[in-house]
Amino acid sequence: MGEVLALVEARLRTALGEPDARAAVTFLGTDRIEVLRFVDAGAGLVRYATLGMSAAPMADPTAALADPVKGPRAELVLTVRLGRADTDKVLRPLAVLAATPQVEGVVVAPGASLDVGEPLWPGAPFSSVLVAEPGGLVEDLDLNEAVSRSDSLRGGGRETGGAMDPVRFLPLLPMTPNEAAWKRVHGAQALEERWLAKGTDLRDPLRGSVALD
C-alpha cells in the first residue's frame, strides 16, 4: 500500500505545507509509522501528523476475517502552540496511538479516547486524547478517485479490487486525567461542550483541566 501512503502524504503537504521534520517508529509485529511535523510560525502553531496508520483499513474487532480493502482508514493530527513546551517528544506516543488498530484490532473513530499511559511529552498534564471529528483542517482523501488518477499504480487502475473507504484525518484533543474520567461518565459531546462553554484553549500544551463541577 505504498501508493496509498504517498497519496496521504501529498494531501498532508497540500493542507499543512512542507514538513520540517519527520521520525519513523516500528513496533514488533507492526508496519512502520512515521510522524511528520509541520510548523506554522505565523500562527504560532506546530502540527504533528501520523503517516502509516492508513496503509490498511481498520478491522472491526468482531469480524471473523479482516477485509484487506474495505474498512475505515485514518491518520491522526495533533496541533499545539509553538514553543511553550517540549512537544516534539510526542512523536513516539503518537506513533503508539497510530499503531493501535494493528496492535489491538480496534477501530479509531471520533468520540473515542486513546491513552498512552504516560505524559504525551515531558511535563505534559495529559496522557490521553479525545478523537475529534475530521474535515476541518485536512479534508478526507477519496482513495478511489486519487488512485484512479495515479500513474504509478499497477495496471493503471486501482491497486486492489473493490471500493476503498476515504482516509480521514482525525484531530486529537489532549485530555487531563480528570477530563478523561469525566468524559467516560458523560460522553465526548458533553466534554467538548464544556470546553467550548469555558473558552478552553485546547492547543495550549500547559493548560489545566477545565472546571467540571
C-alpha atoms as a PDB file:
ATOM      1  CA  MET A   1       0.000   0.000   0.000  1.00  0.00           C
ATOM      2  CA  GLY A   2       2.900   2.331  -0.657  1.00  0.00           C
ATOM      3  CA  GLU A   3       0.823   4.235  -3.203  1.00  0.00           C
ATOM      4  CA  VAL A   4      -1.820   4.945  -0.563  1.00  0.00           C
ATOM      5  CA  LEU A   5       0.718   6.462   1.805  1.00  0.00           C
ATOM      6  CA  ALA A   6       2.206   8.579  -0.978  1.00  0.00           C
ATOM      7  CA  LEU A   7      -1.256   9.985  -1.672  1.00  0.00           C
ATOM      8  CA  VAL A   8      -1.854  10.568   2.036  1.00  0.00           C
ATOM      9  CA  GLU A   9       1.428  12.446   2.410  1.00  0.00           C
ATOM     10  CA  ALA A  10       0.578  14.559  -0.630  1.00  0.00           C
ATOM     11  CA  ARG A  11      -2.755  15.511   0.952  1.00  0.00           C
ATOM     12  CA  LEU A  12      -0.989  16.465   4.205  1.00  0.00           C
ATOM     13  CA  ARG A  13       1.512  18.632   2.321  1.00  0.00           C
ATOM     14  CA  THR A  14      -1.280  20.344   0.401  1.00  0.00           C
ATOM     15  CA  ALA A  15      -3.152  21.172   3.612  1.00  0.00           C
ATOM     16  CA  LEU A  16      -0.284  21.878   6.019  1.00  0.00           C
ATOM     17  CA  GLY A  17       2.725  22.799   3.870  1.00  0.00           C
ATOM     18  CA  GLU A  18       6.122  21.149   3.834  1.00  0.00           C
ATOM     19  CA  PRO A  19       7.107  19.163   6.941  1.00  0.00           C
ATOM     20  CA  ASP A  20      10.282  20.382   8.587  1.00  0.00           C
ATOM     21  CA  ALA A  21      10.967  17.113  10.418  1.00  0.00           C
ATOM     22  CA  ARG A  22       9.846  13.500  10.444  1.00  0.00           C
ATOM     23  CA  ALA A  23      10.531  10.439  12.564  1.00  0.00           C
ATOM     24  CA  ALA A  24       9.815   6.756  11.992  1.00  0.00           C
ATOM     25  CA  VAL A  25       8.884   4.223  14.656  1.00  0.00           C
ATOM     26  CA  THR A  26       8.479   0.476  14.186  1.00  0.00           C
ATOM     27  CA  PHE A  27       6.865  -1.737  16.796  1.00  0.00           C
ATOM     28  CA  LEU A  28       7.200  -5.503  16.904  1.00  0.00           C
ATOM     29  CA  GLY A  29       4.657  -7.076  14.573  1.00  0.00           C
ATOM     30  CA  THR A  30       3.515  -3.805  13.021  1.00  0.00           C
ATOM     31  CA  ASP A  31       4.258  -1.762   9.929  1.00  0.00           C
ATOM     32  CA  ARG A  32       6.347   1.380  10.248  1.00  0.00           C
ATOM     33  CA  ILE A  33       4.599   4.506  11.469  1.00  0.00           C
ATOM     34  CA  GLU A  34       6.006   7.930  10.648  1.00  0.00           C
ATOM     35  CA  VAL A  35       5.173  11.220  12.347  1.00  0.00           C
ATOM     36  CA  LEU A  36       5.593  14.436  10.355  1.00  0.00           C
ATOM     37  CA  ARG A  37       5.998  17.861  11.947  1.00  0.00           C
ATOM     38  CA  PHE A  38       4.566  20.986  10.320  1.00  0.00           C
ATOM     39  CA  VAL A  39       5.407  24.382  11.806  1.00  0.00           C
ATOM     40  CA  ASP A  40       3.099  27.341  11.181  1.00  0.00           C
ATOM     41  CA  ALA A  41       5.264  30.118  12.587  1.00  0.00           C
ATOM     42  CA  GLY A  42       2.815  32.809  11.536  1.00  0.00           C
ATOM     43  CA  ALA A  43       0.039  31.276  13.609  1.00  0.00           C
ATOM     44  CA  GLY A  44       2.410  30.163  16.362  1.00  0.00           C
ATOM     45  CA  LEU A  45       1.375  26.535  15.962  1.00  0.00           C
ATOM     46  CA  VAL A  46       3.049  23.199  15.386  1.00  0.00           C
ATOM     47  CA  ARG A  47       1.151  20.252  13.968  1.00  0.00           C
ATOM     48  CA  TYR A  48       2.106  16.589  14.166  1.00  0.00           C
ATOM     49  CA  ALA A  49       0.543  14.127  11.699  1.00  0.00           C
ATOM     50  CA  THR A  50       0.948  10.371  11.551  1.00  0.00           C
ATOM     51  CA  LEU A  51       1.688   8.579   8.285  1.00  0.00           C
ATOM     52  CA  GLY A  52       1.223   4.829   8.075  1.00  0.00           C
ATOM     53  CA  MET A  53      -1.954   4.176  10.019  1.00  0.00           C
ATOM     54  CA  SER A  54      -3.994   4.401   6.797  1.00  0.00           C
ATOM     55  CA  ALA A  55      -1.928   1.876   4.858  1.00  0.00           C
ATOM     56  CA  ALA A  56      -4.549  -0.759   5.635  1.00  0.00           C
ATOM     57  CA  PRO A  57      -8.196  -0.465   6.693  1.00  0.00           C
ATOM     58  CA  MET A  58      -9.007  -0.777  10.379  1.00  0.00           C
ATOM     59  CA  ALA A  59     -10.701  -4.071  11.099  1.00  0.00           C
ATOM     60  CA  ASP A  60     -13.885  -4.481  13.092  1.00  0.00           C
ATOM     61  CA  PRO A  61     -12.770  -6.449  16.175  1.00  0.00           C
ATOM     62  CA  THR A  62     -15.936  -8.581  15.952  1.00  0.00           C
ATOM     63  CA  ALA A  63     -15.263  -9.605  12.328  1.00  0.00           C
ATOM     64  CA  ALA A  64     -14.041 -13.156  11.776  1.00  0.00           C
ATOM     65  CA  LEU A  65     -11.751 -12.088   8.923  1.00  0.00           C
ATOM     66  CA  ALA A  66     -10.317  -8.649   8.185  1.00  0.00           C
ATOM     67  CA  ASP A  67     -11.079  -7.237   4.735  1.00  0.00           C
ATOM     68  CA  PRO A  68      -7.802  -6.123   3.095  1.00  0.00           C
ATOM     69  CA  VAL A  69      -9.559  -3.414   1.045  1.00  0.00           C
ATOM     70  CA  LYS A  70     -12.773  -2.206   2.657  1.00  0.00           C
ATOM     71  CA  GLY A  71     -12.963  -0.569   6.028  1.00  0.00           C
ATOM     72  CA  PRO A  72     -12.244   2.798   7.662  1.00  0.00           C
ATOM     73  CA  ARG A  73      -8.814   4.376   7.235  1.00  0.00           C
ATOM     74  CA  ALA A  74      -7.397   7.257   9.232  1.00  0.00           C
ATOM     75  CA  GLU A  75      -4.378   9.276  10.262  1.00  0.00           C
ATOM     76  CA  LEU A  76      -4.012  11.345  13.442  1.00  0.00           C
ATOM     77  CA  VAL A  77      -3.274  15.081  13.694  1.00  0.00           C
ATOM     78  CA  LEU A  78      -2.281  16.946  16.858  1.00  0.00           C
ATOM     79  CA  THR A  79      -1.998  20.758  16.975  1.00  0.00           C
ATOM     80  CA  VAL A  80      -0.353  22.651  19.853  1.00  0.00           C
ATOM     81  CA  ARG A  81       1.045  26.122  20.448  1.00  0.00           C
ATOM     82  CA  LEU A  82       4.625  26.509  19.364  1.00  0.00           C
ATOM     83  CA  GLY A  83       7.477  26.895  21.838  1.00  0.00           C
ATOM     84  CA  ARG A  84       5.560  26.555  25.102  1.00  0.00           C
ATOM     85  CA  ALA A  85       6.695  23.012  25.916  1.00  0.00           C
ATOM     86  CA  ASP A  86       8.948  20.251  24.581  1.00  0.00           C
ATOM     87  CA  THR A  87       6.140  18.845  22.476  1.00  0.00           C
ATOM     88  CA  ASP A  88       8.460  17.177  19.953  1.00  0.00           C
ATOM     89  CA  LYS A  89       8.670  14.308  22.437  1.00  0.00           C
ATOM     90  CA  VAL A  90       5.080  13.485  21.426  1.00  0.00           C
ATOM     91  CA  LEU A  91       6.355  11.725  18.303  1.00  0.00           C
ATOM     92  CA  ARG A  92       6.626   8.285  19.888  1.00  0.00           C
ATOM     93  CA  PRO A  93       3.306   8.465  21.806  1.00  0.00           C
ATOM     94  CA  LEU A  94       1.591   9.495  18.567  1.00  0.00           C
ATOM     95  CA  ALA A  95       3.141   6.540  16.764  1.00  0.00           C
ATOM     96  CA  VAL A  96       1.904   4.275  19.568  1.00  0.00           C
ATOM     97  CA  LEU A  97      -1.630   5.592  19.116  1.00  0.00           C
ATOM     98  CA  ALA A  98      -1.438   5.217  15.327  1.00  0.00           C
ATOM     99  CA  ALA A  99      -0.361   1.583  15.737  1.00  0.00           C
ATOM    100  CA  THR A 100      -3.346   0.806  17.979  1.00  0.00           C
ATOM    101  CA  PRO A 101      -5.523  -0.622  15.172  1.00  0.00           C
ATOM    102  CA  GLN A 102      -2.743  -3.055  14.193  1.00  0.00           C
ATOM    103  CA  VAL A 103      -1.790  -3.982  17.741  1.00  0.00           C
ATOM    104  CA  GLU A 104      -5.188  -4.143  19.429  1.00  0.00           C
ATOM    105  CA  GLY A 105      -7.516  -4.671  16.466  1.00  0.00           C
ATOM    106  CA  VAL A 106      -9.679  -1.649  17.218  1.00  0.00           C
ATOM    107  CA  VAL A 107     -11.318   0.968  15.018  1.00  0.00           C
ATOM    108  CA  VAL A 108     -10.322   4.511  15.958  1.00  0.00           C
ATOM    109  CA  ALA A 109     -13.236   6.897  15.387  1.00  0.00           C
ATOM    110  CA  PRO A 110     -14.461  10.307  16.550  1.00  0.00           C
ATOM    111  CA  GLY A 111     -15.551  10.281  20.179  1.00  0.00           C
ATOM    112  CA  ALA A 112     -13.033   7.637  21.205  1.00  0.00           C
ATOM    113  CA  SER A 113     -10.472   8.071  23.962  1.00  0.00           C
ATOM    114  CA  LEU A 114      -6.884   6.935  23.427  1.00  0.00           C
ATOM    115  CA  ASP A 115      -4.478   6.608  26.350  1.00  0.00           C
ATOM    116  CA  VAL A 116      -0.699   6.138  26.175  1.00  0.00           C
ATOM    117  CA  GLY A 117      -0.305   5.614  29.928  1.00  0.00           C
ATOM    118  CA  GLU A 118       2.329   8.343  30.319  1.00  0.00           C
ATOM    119  CA  PRO A 119       2.623  12.102  29.668  1.00  0.00           C
ATOM    120  CA  LEU A 120       2.371  12.947  25.984  1.00  0.00           C
ATOM    121  CA  TRP A 121       5.587  14.975  26.366  1.00  0.00           C
ATOM    122  CA  PRO A 122       7.801  15.844  29.367  1.00  0.00           C
ATOM    123  CA  GLY A 123       5.762  17.681  31.984  1.00  0.00           C
ATOM    124  CA  ALA A 124       2.534  17.357  29.996  1.00  0.00           C
ATOM    125  CA  PRO A 125      -0.664  17.313  32.099  1.00  0.00           C
ATOM    126  CA  PHE A 126      -2.132  14.887  29.549  1.00  0.00           C
ATOM    127  CA  SER A 127      -1.702  11.153  28.977  1.00  0.00           C
ATOM    128  CA  SER A 128      -4.771  10.640  26.807  1.00  0.00           C
ATOM    129  CA  VAL A 129      -6.560  12.298  23.908  1.00  0.00           C
ATOM    130  CA  LEU A 130     -10.090  12.644  22.632  1.00  0.00           C
ATOM    131  CA  VAL A 131     -10.542  11.839  18.942  1.00  0.00           C
ATOM    132  CA  ALA A 132     -12.464  14.709  17.327  1.00  0.00           C
ATOM    133  CA  GLU A 133     -14.442  14.971  14.105  1.00  0.00           C
ATOM    134  CA  PRO A 134     -12.359  15.262  10.902  1.00  0.00           C
ATOM    135  CA  GLY A 135     -12.708  17.598   7.962  1.00  0.00           C
ATOM    136  CA  GLY A 136     -11.824  20.990   9.371  1.00  0.00           C
ATOM    137  CA  LEU A 137      -8.063  21.077   8.929  1.00  0.00           C
ATOM    138  CA  VAL A 138      -7.311  18.339   6.394  1.00  0.00           C
ATOM    139  CA  GLU A 139     -10.048  17.183   4.049  1.00  0.00           C
ATOM    140  CA  ASP A 140     -10.847  13.499   3.681  1.00  0.00           C
ATOM    141  CA  LEU A 141      -8.897  11.774   0.925  1.00  0.00           C
ATOM    142  CA  ASP A 142     -11.063   9.869  -1.568  1.00  0.00           C
ATOM    143  CA  LEU A 143      -8.754   6.960  -2.364  1.00  0.00           C
ATOM    144  CA  ASN A 144     -10.843   5.610  -5.224  1.00  0.00           C
ATOM    145  CA  GLU A 145     -10.641   8.921  -7.074  1.00  0.00           C
ATOM    146  CA  ALA A 146      -6.997   9.565  -6.155  1.00  0.00           C
ATOM    147  CA  VAL A 147      -5.842   6.058  -7.004  1.00  0.00           C
ATOM    148  CA  SER A 148      -7.557   6.138 -10.394  1.00  0.00           C
ATOM    149  CA  ARG A 149      -5.531   9.256 -11.248  1.00  0.00           C
ATOM    150  CA  SER A 150      -2.197   7.889 -10.139  1.00  0.00           C
ATOM    151  CA  ASP A 151       0.144   6.875 -12.988  1.00  0.00           C
ATOM    152  CA  SER A 152       2.208   4.722 -10.655  1.00  0.00           C
ATOM    153  CA  LEU A 153      -0.466   2.158  -9.887  1.00  0.00           C
ATOM    154  CA  ARG A 154      -0.202  -1.388 -11.128  1.00  0.00           C
ATOM    155  CA  GLY A 155      -2.184  -1.930 -14.314  1.00  0.00           C
ATOM    156  CA  GLY A 156      -3.113   1.729 -14.493  1.00  0.00           C
ATOM    157  CA  GLY A 157      -6.169   1.163 -12.307  1.00  0.00           C
ATOM    158  CA  ARG A 158      -6.981   0.566  -8.725  1.00  0.00           C
ATOM    159  CA  GLU A 159      -4.446  -1.135  -6.559  1.00  0.00           C
ATOM    160  CA  THR A 160      -6.983  -3.683  -5.383  1.00  0.00           C
ATOM    161  CA  GLY A 161     -10.482  -4.692  -6.344  1.00  0.00           C
ATOM    162  CA  GLY A 162     -13.475  -3.098  -4.694  1.00  0.00           C
ATOM    163  CA  ALA A 163     -14.113   0.347  -3.317  1.00  0.00           C
ATOM    164  CA  MET A 164     -11.846   1.736  -0.608  1.00  0.00           C
ATOM    165  CA  ASP A 165     -13.047   3.953   2.218  1.00  0.00           C
ATOM    166  CA  PRO A 166     -11.660   7.505   2.285  1.00  0.00           C
ATOM    167  CA  VAL A 167      -8.761   8.370   4.572  1.00  0.00           C
ATOM    168  CA  ARG A 168      -9.954  10.599   7.404  1.00  0.00           C
ATOM    169  CA  PHE A 169      -7.549  12.896   9.236  1.00  0.00           C
ATOM    170  CA  LEU A 170      -8.658  12.772  12.864  1.00  0.00           C
ATOM    171  CA  PRO A 171      -7.768  15.696  15.170  1.00  0.00           C
ATOM    172  CA  LEU A 172      -6.590  14.741  18.653  1.00  0.00           C
ATOM    173  CA  LEU A 173      -7.570  16.851  21.684  1.00  0.00           C
ATOM    174  CA  PRO A 174      -5.387  16.237  24.762  1.00  0.00           C
ATOM    175  CA  MET A 175      -7.306  15.448  27.972  1.00  0.00           C
ATOM    176  CA  THR A 176      -6.235  15.758  31.590  1.00  0.00           C
ATOM    177  CA  PRO A 177      -6.936  12.695  33.791  1.00  0.00           C
ATOM    178  CA  ASN A 178      -9.941  14.485  35.352  1.00  0.00           C
ATOM    179  CA  GLU A 179     -11.330  15.319  31.924  1.00  0.00           C
ATOM    180  CA  ALA A 180     -10.830  11.751  30.708  1.00  0.00           C
ATOM    181  CA  ALA A 181     -12.664  10.385  33.761  1.00  0.00           C
ATOM    182  CA  TRP A 182     -15.495  12.905  33.305  1.00  0.00           C
ATOM    183  CA  LYS A 183     -15.759  12.022  29.621  1.00  0.00           C
ATOM    184  CA  ARG A 184     -16.160   8.317  30.460  1.00  0.00           C
ATOM    185  CA  VAL A 185     -19.247   9.193  32.518  1.00  0.00           C
ATOM    186  CA  HIS A 186     -20.805  11.997  30.478  1.00  0.00           C
ATOM    187  CA  GLY A 187     -19.567  11.315  26.954  1.00  0.00           C
ATOM    188  CA  ALA A 188     -17.418  13.081  24.387  1.00  0.00           C
ATOM    189  CA  GLN A 189     -20.036  15.620  23.298  1.00  0.00           C
ATOM    190  CA  ALA A 190     -20.601  16.806  26.850  1.00  0.00           C
ATOM    191  CA  LEU A 191     -16.873  17.317  27.375  1.00  0.00           C
ATOM    192  CA  GLU A 192     -16.494  19.233  24.113  1.00  0.00           C
ATOM    193  CA  GLU A 193     -19.457  21.429  25.077  1.00  0.00           C
ATOM    194  CA  ARG A 194     -17.844  22.103  28.459  1.00  0.00           C
ATOM    195  CA  TRP A 195     -14.559  23.084  26.786  1.00  0.00           C
ATOM    196  CA  LEU A 196     -16.437  25.428  24.440  1.00  0.00           C
ATOM    197  CA  ALA A 197     -18.519  26.995  27.208  1.00  0.00           C
ATOM    198  CA  LYS A 198     -15.417  27.717  29.287  1.00  0.00           C
ATOM    199  CA  GLY A 199     -13.382  29.044  26.362  1.00  0.00           C
ATOM    200  CA  THR A 200     -10.699  26.366  26.834  1.00  0.00           C
ATOM    201  CA  ASP A 201      -7.581  26.757  24.683  1.00  0.00           C
ATOM    202  CA  LEU A 202      -7.200  23.147  23.598  1.00  0.00           C
ATOM    203  CA  ARG A 203      -3.924  23.949  21.816  1.00  0.00           C
ATOM    204  CA  ASP A 204      -2.203  25.138  24.988  1.00  0.00           C
ATOM    205  CA  PRO A 205       0.275  22.370  25.924  1.00  0.00           C
ATOM    206  CA  LEU A 206       0.376  23.630  29.532  1.00  0.00           C
ATOM    207  CA  ARG A 207      -3.311  24.201  30.204  1.00  0.00           C
ATOM    208  CA  GLY A 208      -5.043  22.885  33.286  1.00  0.00           C
ATOM    209  CA  SER A 209      -8.266  20.905  33.484  1.00  0.00           C
ATOM    210  CA  VAL A 210     -11.492  22.658  32.605  1.00  0.00           C
ATOM    211  CA  ALA A 211     -13.901  23.226  35.512  1.00  0.00           C
ATOM    212  CA  LEU A 212     -16.065  20.122  35.711  1.00  0.00           C
ATOM    213  CA  ASP A 213     -18.347  20.884  38.675  1.00  0.00           C
END
